[in-house]
């Protein structure tokens, strides 16, 4: 079984920054997993924000390129998302994601609210 636990959400003004952290536990491998972050805002489908593979390959949503940075820490077994220049449209629940050899797993989500 794999468990993902997010932290770091909150409220920020436009232009501000937040850092999201996802602690991964269970039968996983930073070398073989694909890990990342998705988000969902009211009335919209869950969408990819950023993902990273074990070989370092990364993919970002067009709307976050240049503002968000995804990273992994194999020692702490985490996947982190640094979000800068946040805008109102970034408001959503952010979900940690891991695609492992045993399946796809999701965290419970953490709220990010960008408001003036």
C-alpha atoms as a PDB file:
ATOM      1  CA  UNK A   1       0.000   0.000   0.000  1.00  0.00           C
ATOM      2  CA  UNK A   2       1.128   3.528  -0.774  1.00  0.00           C
ATOM      3  CA  UNK A   3       0.186   6.588   1.238  1.00  0.00           C
ATOM      4  CA  UNK A   4       0.517  10.203   0.135  1.00  0.00           C
ATOM      5  CA  UNK A   5       0.139  13.078   2.559  1.00  0.00           C
ATOM      6  CA  UNK A   6       0.152  16.693   1.400  1.00  0.00           C
ATOM      7  CA  UNK A   7       0.983  19.786   3.382  1.00  0.00           C
ATOM      8  CA  UNK A   8       1.710  23.430   2.726  1.00  0.00           C
ATOM      9  CA  UNK A   9      -1.503  24.785   1.286  1.00  0.00           C
ATOM     10  CA  UNK A  10      -3.021  28.030   2.465  1.00  0.00           C
ATOM     11  CA  UNK A  11      -4.125  31.498   1.472  1.00  0.00           C
ATOM     12  CA  UNK A  12      -1.976  34.039  -0.324  1.00  0.00           C
ATOM     13  CA  UNK A  13      -2.406  37.304  -2.213  1.00  0.00           C
ATOM     14  CA  UNK A  14      -1.861  37.461  -5.989  1.00  0.00           C
ATOM     15  CA  UNK A  15       1.837  37.484  -6.738  1.00  0.00           C
ATOM     16  CA  UNK A  16       2.643  35.529  -3.611  1.00  0.00           C
ATOM     17  CA  UNK A  17       4.300  32.148  -3.178  1.00  0.00           C
ATOM     18  CA  UNK A  18       3.501  28.838  -1.540  1.00  0.00           C
ATOM     19  CA  UNK A  19       5.344  25.562  -1.276  1.00  0.00           C
ATOM     20  CA  UNK A  20       3.497  22.244  -1.300  1.00  0.00           C
ATOM     21  CA  UNK A  21       5.027  19.103   0.110  1.00  0.00           C
ATOM     22  CA  UNK A  22       3.938  15.500  -0.350  1.00  0.00           C
ATOM     23  CA  UNK A  23       5.332  12.773   1.866  1.00  0.00           C
ATOM     24  CA  UNK A  24       5.250   9.382   0.159  1.00  0.00           C
ATOM     25  CA  UNK A  25       5.300   6.145   2.133  1.00  0.00           C
ATOM     26  CA  UNK A  26       4.885   2.492   1.314  1.00  0.00           C
ATOM     27  CA  UNK A  27       6.072   0.392  -1.592  1.00  0.00           C
ATOM     28  CA  UNK A  28       7.467   3.077  -3.889  1.00  0.00           C
ATOM     29  CA  UNK A  29      10.628   3.980  -5.730  1.00  0.00           C
ATOM     30  CA  UNK A  30      11.752   7.451  -6.710  1.00  0.00           C
ATOM     31  CA  UNK A  31      13.690   5.815  -9.567  1.00  0.00           C
ATOM     32  CA  UNK A  32      10.683   4.086 -11.130  1.00  0.00           C
ATOM     33  CA  UNK A  33       7.636   6.100 -10.062  1.00  0.00           C
ATOM     34  CA  UNK A  34       6.039   9.028 -11.781  1.00  0.00           C
ATOM     35  CA  UNK A  35       5.036  11.573  -9.156  1.00  0.00           C
ATOM     36  CA  UNK A  36       3.410  14.901  -9.331  1.00  0.00           C
ATOM     37  CA  UNK A  37       0.639  17.328  -8.604  1.00  0.00           C
ATOM     38  CA  UNK A  38      -2.834  17.813 -10.018  1.00  0.00           C
ATOM     39  CA  UNK A  39      -5.423  20.400  -9.087  1.00  0.00           C
ATOM     40  CA  UNK A  40      -9.181  20.762  -9.171  1.00  0.00           C
ATOM     41  CA  UNK A  41     -11.214  23.940  -8.835  1.00  0.00           C
ATOM     42  CA  UNK A  42     -15.014  24.062  -8.368  1.00  0.00           C
ATOM     43  CA  UNK A  43     -16.923  23.004 -11.461  1.00  0.00           C
ATOM     44  CA  UNK A  44     -13.816  21.894 -13.328  1.00  0.00           C
ATOM     45  CA  UNK A  45     -12.113  18.586 -13.974  1.00  0.00           C
ATOM     46  CA  UNK A  46      -8.944  17.626 -12.199  1.00  0.00           C
ATOM     47  CA  UNK A  47      -5.992  18.803 -14.268  1.00  0.00           C
ATOM     48  CA  UNK A  48      -2.283  18.120 -14.359  1.00  0.00           C
ATOM     49  CA  UNK A  49      -0.065  20.771 -12.798  1.00  0.00           C
ATOM     50  CA  UNK A  50       3.357  19.113 -12.935  1.00  0.00           C
ATOM     51  CA  UNK A  51       4.792  15.601 -12.938  1.00  0.00           C
ATOM     52  CA  UNK A  52       8.306  14.207 -12.670  1.00  0.00           C
ATOM     53  CA  UNK A  53       9.690  10.794 -13.591  1.00  0.00           C
ATOM     54  CA  UNK A  54      12.551   8.900 -12.014  1.00  0.00           C
ATOM     55  CA  UNK A  55      14.908   9.821 -14.853  1.00  0.00           C
ATOM     56  CA  UNK A  56      14.284  13.500 -14.233  1.00  0.00           C
ATOM     57  CA  UNK A  57      11.801  14.058 -17.039  1.00  0.00           C
ATOM     58  CA  UNK A  58       9.298  16.753 -16.094  1.00  0.00           C
ATOM     59  CA  UNK A  59       6.076  18.042 -17.567  1.00  0.00           C
ATOM     60  CA  UNK A  60       4.230  21.202 -16.606  1.00  0.00           C
ATOM     61  CA  UNK A  61       0.847  22.617 -17.486  1.00  0.00           C
ATOM     62  CA  UNK A  62       1.272  25.543 -19.873  1.00  0.00           C
ATOM     63  CA  UNK A  63      -0.349  27.886 -17.362  1.00  0.00           C
ATOM     64  CA  UNK A  64       2.320  27.276 -14.710  1.00  0.00           C
ATOM     65  CA  UNK A  65       5.489  27.206 -16.815  1.00  0.00           C
ATOM     66  CA  UNK A  66       7.996  29.684 -15.446  1.00  0.00           C
ATOM     67  CA  UNK A  67       6.107  30.031 -12.159  1.00  0.00           C
ATOM     68  CA  UNK A  68       5.971  26.541 -10.604  1.00  0.00           C
ATOM     69  CA  UNK A  69       8.829  24.117 -10.003  1.00  0.00           C
ATOM     70  CA  UNK A  70       8.453  20.438  -9.143  1.00  0.00           C
ATOM     71  CA  UNK A  71      11.168  18.520  -7.361  1.00  0.00           C
ATOM     72  CA  UNK A  72      11.733  15.221  -5.599  1.00  0.00           C
ATOM     73  CA  UNK A  73      13.857  14.309  -2.612  1.00  0.00           C
ATOM     74  CA  UNK A  74      14.797  10.646  -2.540  1.00  0.00           C
ATOM     75  CA  UNK A  75      16.212  10.860   0.987  1.00  0.00           C
ATOM     76  CA  UNK A  76      12.973  12.261   2.416  1.00  0.00           C
ATOM     77  CA  UNK A  77      10.813  10.451  -0.178  1.00  0.00           C
ATOM     78  CA  UNK A  78       8.867  13.548  -1.026  1.00  0.00           C
ATOM     79  CA  UNK A  79       7.633  15.375  -4.086  1.00  0.00           C
ATOM     80  CA  UNK A  80       7.425  19.128  -3.696  1.00  0.00           C
ATOM     81  CA  UNK A  81       5.897  21.966  -5.663  1.00  0.00           C
ATOM     82  CA  UNK A  82       7.221  25.496  -5.360  1.00  0.00           C
ATOM     83  CA  UNK A  83       4.608  27.948  -6.600  1.00  0.00           C
ATOM     84  CA  UNK A  84       5.586  31.541  -7.319  1.00  0.00           C
ATOM     85  CA  UNK A  85       3.660  34.452  -8.815  1.00  0.00           C
ATOM     86  CA  UNK A  86       0.375  32.845  -7.805  1.00  0.00           C
ATOM     87  CA  UNK A  87      -2.760  34.172  -9.444  1.00  0.00           C
ATOM     88  CA  UNK A  88      -6.442  33.962  -8.586  1.00  0.00           C
ATOM     89  CA  UNK A  89      -6.934  31.287 -11.250  1.00  0.00           C
ATOM     90  CA  UNK A  90      -4.464  29.045  -9.392  1.00  0.00           C
ATOM     91  CA  UNK A  91      -7.031  28.660  -6.615  1.00  0.00           C
ATOM     92  CA  UNK A  92      -7.872  24.974  -6.303  1.00  0.00           C
ATOM     93  CA  UNK A  93      -7.441  21.861  -4.247  1.00  0.00           C
ATOM     94  CA  UNK A  94      -4.029  20.425  -5.063  1.00  0.00           C
ATOM     95  CA  UNK A  95      -3.596  16.655  -5.043  1.00  0.00           C
ATOM     96  CA  UNK A  96      -0.372  14.712  -4.804  1.00  0.00           C
ATOM     97  CA  UNK A  97      -0.120  11.829  -7.279  1.00  0.00           C
ATOM     98  CA  UNK A  98       2.055   8.771  -7.652  1.00  0.00           C
ATOM     99  CA  UNK A  99       2.034   6.164 -10.399  1.00  0.00           C
ATOM    100  CA  UNK A 100       3.910   3.161  -9.066  1.00  0.00           C
ATOM    101  CA  UNK A 101       4.425  -0.459 -10.020  1.00  0.00           C
ATOM    102  CA  UNK A 102       1.481  -1.346  -7.781  1.00  0.00           C
ATOM    103  CA  UNK A 103      -0.926   1.248  -9.119  1.00  0.00           C
ATOM    104  CA  UNK A 104      -1.948   4.910  -9.071  1.00  0.00           C
ATOM    105  CA  UNK A 105      -2.390   6.697  -5.782  1.00  0.00           C
ATOM    106  CA  UNK A 106      -3.734  10.090  -4.700  1.00  0.00           C
ATOM    107  CA  UNK A 107      -3.427  12.191  -1.603  1.00  0.00           C
ATOM    108  CA  UNK A 108      -6.410  13.757   0.134  1.00  0.00           C
ATOM    109  CA  UNK A 109      -5.649  17.190  -1.257  1.00  0.00           C
ATOM    110  CA  UNK A 110      -4.631  20.546   0.154  1.00  0.00           C
ATOM    111  CA  UNK A 111      -6.418  23.842  -0.474  1.00  0.00           C
ATOM    112  CA  UNK A 112      -4.662  26.736  -2.169  1.00  0.00           C
ATOM    113  CA  UNK A 113      -6.572  30.015  -2.126  1.00  0.00           C
ATOM    114  CA  UNK A 114      -5.280  33.057  -3.970  1.00  0.00           C
ATOM    115  CA  UNK A 115      -7.327  36.143  -3.218  1.00  0.00           C
ATOM    116  CA  UNK A 116      -6.912  39.854  -2.936  1.00  0.00           C
END
